N, C-alpha and C. Protein backbone atom coordinates (compact mmCIF):
# COMPACT_ATOMS: atom_id res chain seq x y z
N MET A 1 39.70 31.63 11.20
CA MET A 1 39.92 33.26 11.36
C MET A 1 39.45 33.20 12.97
N VAL A 2 40.06 34.16 13.51
CA VAL A 2 39.84 34.26 15.03
C VAL A 2 38.53 35.28 14.89
N ALA A 3 37.44 34.74 15.60
CA ALA A 3 36.30 35.55 15.82
C ALA A 3 36.55 36.77 16.83
N VAL A 4 36.30 38.07 16.18
CA VAL A 4 36.65 39.24 17.01
C VAL A 4 35.72 39.31 18.27
N ASP A 5 34.72 39.03 18.21
CA ASP A 5 33.73 39.18 19.29
C ASP A 5 34.06 38.15 20.23
N ASN A 6 34.66 37.15 20.11
CA ASN A 6 35.09 36.18 20.98
C ASN A 6 36.65 36.13 21.17
N LEU A 7 37.25 37.28 21.02
CA LEU A 7 38.78 37.43 21.02
C LEU A 7 39.24 36.82 22.41
N THR A 8 38.89 37.09 23.51
CA THR A 8 39.21 36.66 24.84
C THR A 8 39.29 35.33 24.87
N SER A 9 38.23 34.61 24.47
CA SER A 9 38.27 33.20 24.54
C SER A 9 39.09 32.49 23.57
N ASP A 10 39.38 33.02 22.48
CA ASP A 10 40.32 32.52 21.38
C ASP A 10 41.74 32.73 21.48
N ILE A 11 42.08 33.60 22.37
CA ILE A 11 43.47 33.96 22.56
C ILE A 11 44.33 32.77 22.75
N GLU A 12 44.00 31.87 23.64
CA GLU A 12 44.64 30.77 24.04
C GLU A 12 44.85 29.90 22.93
N ASP A 13 43.74 29.62 22.09
CA ASP A 13 43.80 28.78 20.93
C ASP A 13 44.78 29.45 19.87
N LEU A 14 44.72 30.41 19.77
CA LEU A 14 45.68 31.23 18.68
C LEU A 14 47.07 31.22 19.20
N ALA A 15 47.33 31.55 20.60
CA ALA A 15 48.60 31.19 20.94
C ALA A 15 49.20 29.76 20.98
N ASN A 16 48.30 28.94 21.08
CA ASN A 16 48.77 27.46 21.15
C ASN A 16 49.20 27.18 19.41
N ARG A 17 48.52 27.74 18.52
CA ARG A 17 48.76 27.45 17.18
C ARG A 17 50.06 28.13 16.87
N ILE A 18 50.25 29.26 17.08
CA ILE A 18 51.52 29.97 16.96
C ILE A 18 52.73 29.31 17.68
N SER A 19 52.69 29.02 18.97
CA SER A 19 53.71 28.41 19.64
C SER A 19 54.11 27.07 19.06
N ASP A 20 53.17 26.18 18.64
CA ASP A 20 53.32 25.07 18.15
C ASP A 20 54.26 25.00 16.96
N ILE A 21 54.12 25.93 16.02
CA ILE A 21 54.95 26.15 14.97
C ILE A 21 56.36 26.64 15.35
N ILE A 22 56.43 27.52 16.34
CA ILE A 22 57.53 28.05 16.83
C ILE A 22 58.51 26.92 17.38
N MET A 23 57.84 26.29 18.30
CA MET A 23 58.44 25.22 18.99
C MET A 23 58.74 23.96 18.22
N SER A 24 58.17 23.63 17.38
CA SER A 24 58.12 22.49 16.34
C SER A 24 58.07 22.79 14.84
N PRO A 25 59.04 23.48 14.29
CA PRO A 25 58.98 23.83 12.97
C PRO A 25 59.05 22.54 11.91
N ALA A 26 59.39 21.46 12.48
CA ALA A 26 59.28 20.09 11.72
C ALA A 26 57.95 19.89 11.30
N THR A 27 56.94 20.25 11.90
CA THR A 27 55.52 19.96 11.85
C THR A 27 54.95 20.71 10.40
N ILE A 28 55.71 21.60 10.14
CA ILE A 28 55.40 22.46 8.75
C ILE A 28 55.10 21.49 7.69
N SER A 29 56.18 20.58 7.41
CA SER A 29 55.85 19.69 6.31
C SER A 29 54.56 18.89 6.44
N GLY A 30 54.23 18.30 7.65
CA GLY A 30 52.87 17.56 7.70
C GLY A 30 51.89 18.44 7.59
N LEU A 31 51.90 19.71 7.96
CA LEU A 31 50.72 20.71 7.69
C LEU A 31 50.48 20.98 6.26
N ILE A 32 51.43 20.98 5.54
CA ILE A 32 51.40 21.29 4.20
C ILE A 32 50.99 20.17 3.44
N ASN A 33 51.67 18.89 3.70
CA ASN A 33 51.26 17.77 3.05
C ASN A 33 49.88 17.38 3.33
N GLY A 34 49.11 17.73 4.51
CA GLY A 34 47.83 17.31 4.75
C GLY A 34 46.87 18.30 4.11
N ALA A 35 47.39 19.38 3.65
CA ALA A 35 46.51 20.47 3.05
C ALA A 35 46.43 20.18 1.55
N LEU A 36 47.69 19.72 1.07
CA LEU A 36 47.64 19.40 -0.55
C LEU A 36 47.24 18.19 -0.76
N THR A 37 45.85 17.74 -0.84
CA THR A 37 45.63 16.37 -1.14
C THR A 37 44.68 16.24 -2.68
N VAL A 38 44.86 15.24 -3.16
CA VAL A 38 44.13 15.05 -4.35
C VAL A 38 42.73 15.12 -4.14
N PRO A 39 42.17 14.31 -3.04
CA PRO A 39 40.66 14.27 -2.94
C PRO A 39 40.13 15.74 -2.68
N LEU A 40 40.89 16.58 -1.84
CA LEU A 40 40.47 17.88 -1.58
C LEU A 40 40.41 18.75 -2.88
N ASP A 41 41.28 18.68 -3.72
CA ASP A 41 41.42 19.43 -4.88
C ASP A 41 40.30 18.93 -5.99
N MET A 42 40.14 17.60 -5.96
CA MET A 42 39.11 17.16 -6.91
C MET A 42 37.75 17.69 -6.38
N GLY A 43 37.39 17.74 -4.95
CA GLY A 43 36.32 18.47 -4.50
C GLY A 43 36.17 20.04 -4.80
N TYR A 44 37.30 20.75 -4.86
CA TYR A 44 37.14 22.08 -5.30
C TYR A 44 36.87 22.12 -6.72
N LEU A 45 37.37 21.15 -7.59
CA LEU A 45 37.01 21.12 -8.89
C LEU A 45 35.44 20.90 -9.18
N ALA A 46 34.82 20.07 -8.48
CA ALA A 46 33.37 19.69 -8.61
C ALA A 46 32.68 21.01 -8.22
N TRP A 47 33.21 21.67 -6.97
CA TRP A 47 32.55 22.99 -6.61
C TRP A 47 32.63 23.96 -7.66
N GLY A 48 33.64 24.00 -8.45
CA GLY A 48 33.84 25.13 -9.48
C GLY A 48 32.66 24.83 -10.68
N TYR A 49 32.54 23.49 -10.85
CA TYR A 49 31.59 23.18 -12.01
C TYR A 49 30.10 23.53 -11.62
N MET A 50 29.95 23.30 -10.34
CA MET A 50 28.47 23.53 -9.83
C MET A 50 28.18 25.00 -9.57
N ASP A 51 29.09 25.87 -9.25
CA ASP A 51 29.03 27.20 -8.80
C ASP A 51 28.95 28.13 -10.07
N THR A 52 27.99 28.00 -10.73
CA THR A 52 27.75 28.68 -12.00
C THR A 52 27.88 30.26 -12.01
N ASP A 53 27.35 30.90 -10.84
CA ASP A 53 27.42 32.12 -10.71
C ASP A 53 28.71 32.86 -10.68
N SER A 54 29.73 32.06 -10.12
CA SER A 54 31.10 32.82 -10.18
C SER A 54 31.92 32.28 -11.38
N ARG A 55 31.43 31.59 -12.20
CA ARG A 55 32.22 30.97 -13.19
C ARG A 55 32.90 32.13 -14.16
N PHE A 56 32.24 33.00 -14.44
CA PHE A 56 32.73 34.18 -15.36
C PHE A 56 34.00 34.85 -14.60
N ALA A 57 33.64 35.22 -13.26
CA ALA A 57 34.68 35.99 -12.49
C ALA A 57 35.84 35.03 -12.37
N HIS A 58 35.58 33.69 -12.10
CA HIS A 58 36.70 32.92 -11.98
C HIS A 58 37.53 32.71 -13.11
N GLN A 59 36.84 32.68 -14.25
CA GLN A 59 37.55 32.51 -15.49
C GLN A 59 38.58 33.93 -15.80
N THR A 60 38.14 34.90 -15.38
CA THR A 60 39.13 35.99 -15.23
C THR A 60 40.42 35.82 -14.44
N GLN A 61 39.89 35.29 -13.37
CA GLN A 61 41.09 35.06 -12.31
C GLN A 61 42.01 33.99 -12.99
N ARG A 62 41.59 32.84 -13.74
CA ARG A 62 42.29 31.93 -14.29
C ARG A 62 43.39 32.60 -15.37
N PHE A 63 42.84 33.73 -16.08
CA PHE A 63 43.75 34.50 -16.91
C PHE A 63 44.99 34.93 -16.08
N ARG A 64 44.64 35.51 -15.08
CA ARG A 64 45.75 36.09 -14.15
C ARG A 64 46.61 34.98 -13.67
N MET A 65 46.02 34.07 -13.41
CA MET A 65 46.84 32.67 -12.97
C MET A 65 47.66 32.36 -14.11
N ALA A 66 47.20 32.22 -15.31
CA ALA A 66 48.08 31.83 -16.51
C ALA A 66 49.29 32.77 -16.57
N GLU A 67 48.97 33.99 -16.35
CA GLU A 67 50.08 34.92 -16.75
C GLU A 67 51.01 34.85 -15.51
N ALA A 68 50.63 34.81 -14.24
CA ALA A 68 51.51 34.38 -13.16
C ALA A 68 52.44 33.10 -13.31
N ILE A 69 51.74 32.01 -13.81
CA ILE A 69 52.57 30.96 -13.91
C ILE A 69 53.61 30.97 -14.99
N HIS A 70 53.15 31.65 -16.11
CA HIS A 70 54.23 32.14 -17.19
C HIS A 70 55.36 32.70 -16.61
N ASN A 71 55.01 33.66 -15.73
CA ASN A 71 56.12 34.39 -14.97
C ASN A 71 56.78 33.46 -13.85
N ASP A 72 56.59 32.27 -13.68
CA ASP A 72 57.33 31.31 -12.92
C ASP A 72 56.76 31.66 -11.54
N ILE A 73 55.63 32.01 -11.06
CA ILE A 73 55.29 32.43 -9.71
C ILE A 73 55.35 31.01 -8.75
N LEU A 74 55.49 29.75 -9.21
CA LEU A 74 55.44 28.83 -8.49
C LEU A 74 56.89 28.34 -8.05
N ASN A 75 57.94 29.17 -8.31
CA ASN A 75 59.14 28.77 -7.93
C ASN A 75 59.55 29.00 -6.65
N TYR A 76 60.58 28.67 -6.19
CA TYR A 76 61.05 28.69 -4.83
C TYR A 76 61.15 30.15 -4.28
N LYS A 77 61.80 30.80 -5.06
CA LYS A 77 61.89 32.21 -4.85
C LYS A 77 60.56 33.06 -4.35
N HIS A 78 59.70 32.77 -5.34
CA HIS A 78 58.42 33.47 -5.20
C HIS A 78 57.42 32.96 -3.99
N ILE A 79 57.51 31.58 -3.75
CA ILE A 79 56.88 30.93 -2.67
C ILE A 79 57.49 31.59 -1.32
N THR A 80 58.82 31.72 -1.01
CA THR A 80 59.40 32.24 0.09
C THR A 80 59.16 33.60 0.30
N ASN A 81 59.14 34.43 -0.90
CA ASN A 81 58.98 35.89 -0.91
C ASN A 81 57.66 36.05 -0.25
N ALA A 82 56.63 35.27 -0.80
CA ALA A 82 55.20 35.57 -0.20
C ALA A 82 55.24 35.19 1.15
N VAL A 83 55.68 34.21 1.74
CA VAL A 83 55.89 33.84 3.11
C VAL A 83 56.37 35.03 4.02
N GLU A 84 57.62 35.51 3.46
CA GLU A 84 58.33 36.45 4.07
C GLU A 84 57.47 37.92 4.30
N ILE A 85 56.79 38.03 3.20
CA ILE A 85 55.90 39.34 3.30
C ILE A 85 54.84 39.05 4.62
N ILE A 86 54.34 37.97 4.80
CA ILE A 86 53.42 37.82 5.97
C ILE A 86 54.05 37.95 7.19
N PHE A 87 55.26 37.30 7.35
CA PHE A 87 56.13 37.36 8.50
C PHE A 87 56.58 38.72 8.90
N LYS A 88 56.96 39.51 7.82
CA LYS A 88 57.29 40.85 8.14
C LYS A 88 56.10 41.62 8.58
N GLU A 89 55.05 41.50 8.26
CA GLU A 89 53.72 42.20 8.74
C GLU A 89 53.49 41.80 10.15
N PHE A 90 53.62 40.60 10.37
CA PHE A 90 53.57 40.24 11.84
C PHE A 90 54.59 40.76 12.72
N ASP A 91 55.75 40.92 12.17
CA ASP A 91 56.90 41.52 12.89
C ASP A 91 56.70 42.92 13.06
N LYS A 92 55.90 43.74 12.37
CA LYS A 92 55.65 45.20 12.67
C LYS A 92 54.91 45.04 13.89
N TYR A 93 53.98 44.25 14.13
CA TYR A 93 53.10 44.45 15.34
C TYR A 93 54.05 44.00 16.38
N ALA A 94 54.78 42.87 16.24
CA ALA A 94 55.67 42.46 17.48
C ALA A 94 56.56 43.59 17.74
N SER A 95 56.98 44.26 16.82
CA SER A 95 58.09 45.37 17.13
C SER A 95 57.65 46.32 18.09
N VAL A 96 56.34 46.74 17.71
CA VAL A 96 55.74 47.62 18.72
C VAL A 96 55.65 47.11 20.26
N SER A 97 55.38 45.92 20.27
CA SER A 97 55.15 45.24 21.49
C SER A 97 56.51 45.16 22.15
N GLN A 98 57.66 45.12 21.48
CA GLN A 98 58.92 45.18 22.08
C GLN A 98 59.24 46.28 22.70
N GLN A 99 58.50 47.35 22.38
CA GLN A 99 58.97 48.72 22.97
C GLN A 99 58.52 48.67 24.47
N ASN A 100 57.44 47.70 24.76
CA ASN A 100 56.92 47.72 26.07
C ASN A 100 57.89 46.55 26.77
N ASN A 101 58.38 46.97 27.92
CA ASN A 101 59.23 46.06 28.87
C ASN A 101 58.44 44.78 29.02
N THR A 102 57.11 44.80 29.17
CA THR A 102 56.31 43.67 29.57
C THR A 102 56.78 42.60 28.60
N TYR A 103 56.82 42.83 27.21
CA TYR A 103 56.82 41.86 26.15
C TYR A 103 58.30 41.81 25.56
N ARG A 104 59.19 42.55 26.08
CA ARG A 104 60.59 42.61 25.42
C ARG A 104 61.12 41.31 25.33
N GLY A 105 61.28 40.50 26.46
CA GLY A 105 61.77 39.19 26.47
C GLY A 105 61.09 38.07 25.67
N VAL A 106 59.55 38.29 25.43
CA VAL A 106 58.79 37.31 24.69
C VAL A 106 59.10 37.65 23.47
N VAL A 107 59.19 38.81 22.80
CA VAL A 107 59.37 38.96 21.48
C VAL A 107 60.76 38.77 20.96
N SER A 108 61.72 38.93 21.81
CA SER A 108 63.11 38.46 21.52
C SER A 108 63.10 37.05 21.44
N SER A 109 62.54 36.31 22.14
CA SER A 109 62.54 34.72 21.96
C SER A 109 61.92 34.33 20.65
N MET A 110 60.84 34.97 20.51
CA MET A 110 60.25 34.45 19.37
C MET A 110 60.76 34.84 18.12
N VAL A 111 61.35 36.32 18.05
CA VAL A 111 62.08 36.57 16.79
C VAL A 111 63.15 35.62 16.47
N GLY A 112 63.81 35.14 17.57
CA GLY A 112 65.10 34.20 17.27
C GLY A 112 64.61 32.98 16.81
N ARG A 113 63.36 32.61 16.95
CA ARG A 113 63.00 31.21 16.69
C ARG A 113 62.11 31.11 15.39
N PHE A 114 61.46 32.08 15.05
CA PHE A 114 60.68 31.75 13.77
C PHE A 114 60.90 32.85 12.77
N MET A 115 61.22 34.25 13.07
CA MET A 115 61.50 35.17 12.06
C MET A 115 62.84 35.11 11.51
N SER A 116 62.99 33.98 10.80
CA SER A 116 64.20 33.52 10.28
C SER A 116 64.28 33.20 8.87
N ALA A 117 65.39 32.99 8.23
CA ALA A 117 65.41 32.72 6.73
C ALA A 117 65.14 31.14 6.94
N LYS A 118 65.44 30.42 7.89
CA LYS A 118 65.45 28.93 7.97
C LYS A 118 64.05 28.52 7.90
N LEU A 119 63.09 29.16 8.74
CA LEU A 119 61.77 28.80 8.93
C LEU A 119 61.06 29.12 7.51
N ILE A 120 61.39 30.30 6.90
CA ILE A 120 60.70 30.56 5.60
C ILE A 120 61.18 29.52 4.56
N ALA A 121 62.42 29.20 4.65
CA ALA A 121 62.93 28.13 3.88
C ALA A 121 62.24 26.76 3.92
N MET A 122 62.06 26.55 5.13
CA MET A 122 61.44 25.19 5.46
C MET A 122 59.96 25.19 4.84
N ILE A 123 59.23 26.30 4.77
CA ILE A 123 57.97 26.31 4.12
C ILE A 123 57.97 26.14 2.74
N GLY A 124 58.91 27.02 2.15
CA GLY A 124 59.11 26.98 0.68
C GLY A 124 59.48 25.43 0.29
N ALA A 125 60.49 24.94 1.03
CA ALA A 125 60.84 23.53 0.54
C ALA A 125 59.66 22.59 0.75
N ALA A 126 58.99 22.70 1.91
CA ALA A 126 57.80 21.70 2.05
C ALA A 126 56.63 21.88 0.97
N VAL A 127 56.45 23.07 0.50
CA VAL A 127 55.49 23.30 -0.57
C VAL A 127 55.98 22.64 -1.90
N LEU A 128 57.35 23.07 -2.16
CA LEU A 128 57.80 22.43 -3.52
C LEU A 128 57.78 20.96 -3.49
N ALA A 129 58.32 20.44 -2.44
CA ALA A 129 58.34 19.12 -2.20
C ALA A 129 57.03 18.32 -2.36
N ARG A 130 55.92 18.77 -1.77
CA ARG A 130 54.63 18.20 -2.09
C ARG A 130 54.00 18.44 -3.34
N VAL A 131 54.17 19.59 -3.85
CA VAL A 131 53.57 19.86 -5.33
C VAL A 131 54.51 18.78 -6.40
N SER A 132 55.90 18.82 -6.18
CA SER A 132 56.54 18.03 -7.13
C SER A 132 56.11 16.50 -6.90
N PHE A 133 55.89 16.12 -5.70
CA PHE A 133 55.31 14.73 -5.45
C PHE A 133 54.10 14.36 -6.14
N ILE A 134 53.11 15.28 -6.01
CA ILE A 134 51.79 15.13 -6.64
C ILE A 134 52.14 14.97 -8.16
N GLY A 135 52.78 15.96 -8.77
CA GLY A 135 53.10 15.88 -10.12
C GLY A 135 53.68 14.54 -10.56
N ALA A 136 54.71 14.11 -9.87
CA ALA A 136 55.49 12.92 -10.07
C ALA A 136 54.44 11.84 -10.15
N GLN A 137 53.61 11.59 -9.05
CA GLN A 137 52.68 10.44 -8.91
C GLN A 137 51.58 10.53 -9.94
N SER A 138 51.18 11.74 -10.60
CA SER A 138 50.19 11.74 -11.39
C SER A 138 50.56 11.64 -12.85
N ALA A 139 51.98 11.38 -13.25
CA ALA A 139 52.07 11.56 -14.51
C ALA A 139 52.91 10.19 -15.15
N LYS A 140 52.60 9.08 -14.42
CA LYS A 140 53.29 7.95 -14.85
C LYS A 140 52.49 7.17 -16.06
N ASN A 141 51.45 7.44 -16.36
CA ASN A 141 50.61 6.84 -17.46
C ASN A 141 49.64 7.74 -18.02
N TRP A 142 49.02 7.15 -19.06
CA TRP A 142 47.90 8.29 -19.81
C TRP A 142 46.73 8.53 -18.83
N ILE A 143 46.37 7.55 -17.83
CA ILE A 143 45.45 7.67 -16.76
C ILE A 143 45.91 8.84 -15.79
N GLY A 144 47.21 8.72 -15.57
CA GLY A 144 47.89 9.78 -14.56
C GLY A 144 47.89 11.03 -15.11
N ARG A 145 48.05 11.14 -16.46
CA ARG A 145 48.08 12.46 -17.07
C ARG A 145 46.70 13.11 -17.04
N VAL A 146 45.71 12.23 -17.37
CA VAL A 146 44.32 12.93 -17.31
C VAL A 146 43.97 13.29 -15.96
N THR A 147 44.38 12.47 -14.77
CA THR A 147 44.22 12.81 -13.43
C THR A 147 45.00 14.14 -13.08
N MET A 148 46.27 14.32 -13.62
CA MET A 148 46.78 15.54 -13.46
C MET A 148 46.27 16.64 -14.04
N ILE A 149 45.69 16.63 -15.13
CA ILE A 149 44.75 17.84 -15.84
C ILE A 149 43.73 18.21 -14.96
N LEU A 150 43.01 17.05 -14.42
CA LEU A 150 41.80 17.38 -13.38
C LEU A 150 42.27 18.03 -12.15
N LEU A 151 43.45 17.52 -11.77
CA LEU A 151 43.91 17.99 -10.56
C LEU A 151 44.34 19.44 -10.85
N ILE A 152 45.00 19.77 -11.68
CA ILE A 152 45.27 21.14 -12.10
C ILE A 152 43.98 22.16 -11.91
N GLY A 153 43.08 21.53 -12.74
CA GLY A 153 41.80 22.41 -12.48
C GLY A 153 41.20 22.42 -11.20
N GLY A 154 41.35 21.60 -10.30
CA GLY A 154 40.98 21.58 -8.88
C GLY A 154 41.84 22.58 -8.11
N MET A 155 43.13 22.40 -8.32
CA MET A 155 44.07 23.36 -7.61
C MET A 155 43.72 24.78 -8.16
N SER A 156 43.41 24.98 -9.41
CA SER A 156 43.26 26.52 -9.82
C SER A 156 42.06 26.92 -9.10
N GLU A 157 40.87 26.02 -8.99
CA GLU A 157 39.66 26.49 -8.32
C GLU A 157 39.98 26.72 -6.84
N ARG A 158 40.83 25.89 -6.31
CA ARG A 158 41.03 26.09 -4.78
C ARG A 158 41.69 27.29 -4.61
N SER A 159 42.85 27.66 -5.64
CA SER A 159 43.64 28.81 -5.46
C SER A 159 42.85 30.07 -5.54
N ILE A 160 41.81 30.18 -6.48
CA ILE A 160 41.03 31.34 -6.51
C ILE A 160 40.02 31.51 -5.21
N ARG A 161 39.58 30.37 -4.82
CA ARG A 161 38.39 30.55 -3.66
C ARG A 161 39.23 30.80 -2.26
N MET A 162 40.58 30.44 -2.19
CA MET A 162 41.37 30.63 -1.14
C MET A 162 41.86 32.20 -1.10
N SER A 163 42.05 32.59 -2.29
CA SER A 163 42.33 34.05 -2.43
C SER A 163 41.18 34.99 -1.96
N GLU A 164 39.99 34.56 -2.51
CA GLU A 164 38.75 35.18 -2.16
C GLU A 164 38.61 35.28 -0.80
N SER A 165 38.73 34.14 0.05
CA SER A 165 38.45 34.08 1.29
C SER A 165 39.56 34.98 2.07
N LEU A 166 40.73 34.99 1.61
CA LEU A 166 41.80 35.70 2.14
C LEU A 166 41.33 37.29 1.99
N ALA A 167 40.87 37.59 1.08
CA ALA A 167 40.47 39.20 0.76
C ALA A 167 39.35 39.44 1.81
N ILE A 168 38.59 38.43 2.17
CA ILE A 168 37.48 38.75 3.04
C ILE A 168 37.89 38.66 4.51
N GLU A 169 38.64 37.68 4.91
CA GLU A 169 39.23 37.33 6.26
C GLU A 169 40.29 38.16 6.77
N ALA A 170 41.08 38.42 5.83
CA ALA A 170 42.39 39.32 6.28
C ALA A 170 42.89 40.10 4.99
N PRO A 171 42.12 41.28 4.85
CA PRO A 171 42.23 41.95 3.62
C PRO A 171 43.71 42.77 3.82
N GLU A 172 44.08 42.87 4.89
CA GLU A 172 45.49 43.64 5.17
C GLU A 172 46.53 42.77 4.92
N ILE A 173 46.61 41.36 4.76
CA ILE A 173 47.36 40.45 4.15
C ILE A 173 47.16 40.38 2.62
N TYR A 174 45.88 40.21 2.09
CA TYR A 174 45.56 39.98 0.80
C TYR A 174 46.17 41.09 0.00
N TRP A 175 46.11 42.33 0.50
CA TRP A 175 46.41 43.64 -0.34
C TRP A 175 47.98 43.62 -0.33
N LEU A 176 48.72 43.07 0.60
CA LEU A 176 50.07 42.86 0.31
C LEU A 176 50.74 41.81 -0.51
N LEU A 177 49.71 40.91 -0.81
CA LEU A 177 50.16 39.69 -1.62
C LEU A 177 49.79 40.01 -2.99
N ARG A 178 48.48 40.55 -3.12
CA ARG A 178 47.79 40.74 -4.49
C ARG A 178 48.77 41.39 -5.58
N PRO A 179 49.46 42.54 -5.14
CA PRO A 179 50.24 43.23 -6.19
C PRO A 179 51.25 42.22 -6.93
N HIS A 180 51.63 41.16 -6.26
CA HIS A 180 52.59 40.16 -6.80
C HIS A 180 52.14 38.92 -7.23
N ASP A 181 50.65 39.02 -7.19
CA ASP A 181 49.91 37.67 -7.50
C ASP A 181 50.13 36.61 -6.62
N TYR A 182 50.64 36.81 -5.40
CA TYR A 182 51.04 35.88 -4.50
C TYR A 182 49.63 35.44 -3.74
N ASP A 183 48.57 36.18 -3.75
CA ASP A 183 47.51 35.61 -3.29
C ASP A 183 46.92 34.17 -3.86
N LEU A 184 47.36 33.97 -5.07
CA LEU A 184 47.08 32.94 -6.02
C LEU A 184 47.75 31.62 -5.27
N THR A 185 48.90 32.04 -4.80
CA THR A 185 49.75 30.74 -4.18
C THR A 185 49.64 30.49 -2.74
N TYR A 186 48.82 31.34 -2.16
CA TYR A 186 48.44 31.41 -0.64
C TYR A 186 48.02 29.96 -0.22
N PHE A 187 47.18 29.33 -0.98
CA PHE A 187 46.69 28.01 -0.66
C PHE A 187 47.79 26.93 -0.29
N LEU A 188 48.90 27.18 -0.99
CA LEU A 188 49.92 26.29 -0.90
C LEU A 188 50.71 26.30 0.43
N PHE A 189 50.66 27.49 1.01
CA PHE A 189 51.45 27.46 2.35
C PHE A 189 50.47 27.89 3.58
N GLU A 190 49.13 28.15 3.14
CA GLU A 190 48.10 28.58 4.26
C GLU A 190 48.35 27.81 5.61
N PRO A 191 48.39 26.60 5.63
CA PRO A 191 48.46 26.06 7.00
C PRO A 191 49.55 26.29 7.72
N ALA A 192 50.65 26.77 7.40
CA ALA A 192 51.88 27.25 8.06
C ALA A 192 51.83 28.57 8.55
N VAL A 193 51.06 29.44 7.86
CA VAL A 193 51.20 30.83 8.14
C VAL A 193 49.84 31.51 8.69
N LYS A 194 48.69 30.56 8.75
CA LYS A 194 47.36 31.27 9.14
C LYS A 194 47.49 31.68 10.60
N PRO A 195 47.93 31.07 11.67
CA PRO A 195 48.15 31.57 12.89
C PRO A 195 48.60 32.88 12.96
N PHE A 196 49.79 33.38 12.15
CA PHE A 196 50.20 34.49 12.21
C PHE A 196 49.43 35.61 11.31
N ILE A 197 48.81 35.16 10.23
CA ILE A 197 47.73 36.03 9.61
C ILE A 197 46.67 36.33 10.49
N ASP A 198 46.18 35.35 11.41
CA ASP A 198 44.90 35.59 12.33
C ASP A 198 45.44 36.78 13.31
N ALA A 199 46.60 36.64 13.84
CA ALA A 199 47.17 37.57 14.79
C ALA A 199 47.37 38.92 14.27
N VAL A 200 47.80 39.08 12.99
CA VAL A 200 47.87 40.30 12.28
C VAL A 200 46.53 40.93 12.09
N HIS A 201 45.45 40.06 11.71
CA HIS A 201 44.08 40.72 11.66
C HIS A 201 43.45 41.04 12.97
N VAL A 202 43.77 40.47 14.00
CA VAL A 202 43.36 41.02 15.36
C VAL A 202 44.02 42.26 15.57
N GLY A 203 45.37 42.43 15.30
CA GLY A 203 46.01 43.59 15.59
C GLY A 203 45.48 44.88 14.70
N ALA A 204 45.05 44.39 13.51
CA ALA A 204 44.48 45.40 12.47
C ALA A 204 43.02 45.78 12.96
N THR A 205 42.44 44.98 13.36
CA THR A 205 40.94 45.05 13.64
C THR A 205 40.63 45.50 15.16
N ARG A 206 41.50 45.23 16.07
CA ARG A 206 41.22 45.40 17.34
C ARG A 206 42.29 46.11 18.12
N GLY A 207 43.43 46.50 17.44
CA GLY A 207 44.47 47.22 18.01
C GLY A 207 45.78 46.64 18.52
N GLN A 208 46.55 47.49 18.79
CA GLN A 208 47.81 46.77 19.33
C GLN A 208 47.60 46.21 20.80
N PRO A 209 46.81 46.66 21.67
CA PRO A 209 46.64 45.99 22.97
C PRO A 209 46.23 44.49 22.92
N ALA A 210 45.19 44.33 21.75
CA ALA A 210 44.66 42.94 21.35
C ALA A 210 45.90 42.01 20.99
N PHE A 211 46.52 42.73 20.23
CA PHE A 211 47.78 41.78 19.56
C PHE A 211 48.83 41.51 20.82
N ASP A 212 48.96 42.49 21.67
CA ASP A 212 50.01 42.19 22.69
C ASP A 212 49.36 41.17 23.66
N LYS A 213 48.22 41.01 23.91
CA LYS A 213 47.76 39.74 24.67
C LYS A 213 48.14 38.41 23.90
N ILE A 214 48.00 38.43 22.64
CA ILE A 214 48.36 37.25 21.86
C ILE A 214 49.83 36.88 22.23
N ILE A 215 50.74 37.99 22.11
CA ILE A 215 52.17 37.93 22.28
C ILE A 215 52.46 37.50 23.76
N ASP A 216 51.63 37.82 24.62
CA ASP A 216 51.77 37.63 26.02
C ASP A 216 51.43 36.01 26.31
N ALA A 217 50.43 35.64 25.76
CA ALA A 217 50.17 34.27 25.79
C ALA A 217 51.07 33.42 25.26
N VAL A 218 51.52 33.71 24.05
CA VAL A 218 52.64 33.00 23.28
C VAL A 218 53.76 32.78 24.12
N GLY A 219 54.29 33.97 24.72
CA GLY A 219 55.29 34.03 25.50
C GLY A 219 55.43 33.10 26.81
N ARG A 220 54.06 32.97 27.40
CA ARG A 220 53.93 32.13 28.49
C ARG A 220 54.22 30.71 28.34
N LYS A 221 53.78 30.45 26.93
CA LYS A 221 53.93 28.94 26.47
C LYS A 221 55.37 28.70 26.01
N LEU A 222 55.89 29.52 25.55
CA LEU A 222 57.39 29.31 25.14
C LEU A 222 58.28 29.23 26.47
N HIS A 223 58.16 30.00 27.36
CA HIS A 223 58.87 30.01 28.55
C HIS A 223 58.64 28.72 29.41
N VAL A 224 57.42 28.19 29.16
CA VAL A 224 57.23 26.95 29.84
C VAL A 224 58.12 25.98 29.40
N THR A 225 58.42 26.01 28.03
CA THR A 225 59.05 24.57 27.57
C THR A 225 60.60 25.12 27.38
N GLN A 226 61.04 26.38 27.84
CA GLN A 226 62.49 26.66 27.46
C GLN A 226 63.31 26.29 28.89
């Protein structure tokens, strides 16, 4: 998350992260593949066992997760709906910037490159491809099935902890996702949307002028490559 007190020094880093995804959407698959790894999820599972203080609260969250999974929250439509909610919130701030002639060209170029069904579809496809791969790799034999059970446990712990982190770090996004239980799937696509969430948080906590500085920095980077 962008540190509010160090916003000026962090703008370039945040602009780089946003522009990298805009200019090279093919990197989305790599970002998601790198995040959804068995060792990482096993680590979350161990963390969950050791953290006895939060066990009861997390058990309640697992009941919510079970209900969400029963309602097919892991399907392509729900994943892409969650991503679209985040981009729409970013677009609200960008649209205000567009009213200022200084940013009109920047926002127009950005909207055409990432606020599209194609990018949202790419994120959804990358998530489902990775999750399907993990499931296929883990279900070949009885050892694999046991591993899959443990992995699901680790993934559920990771889901809950990522949801809790989102609520603290970017409550404006959390409360958009929470009514649909999309906060529970946030960990699946977090790497591809985190820069945009960080920018929204800057806008929400520091105001439109701070967000405009990010847009301006992204615009400079896009124009260099165009």
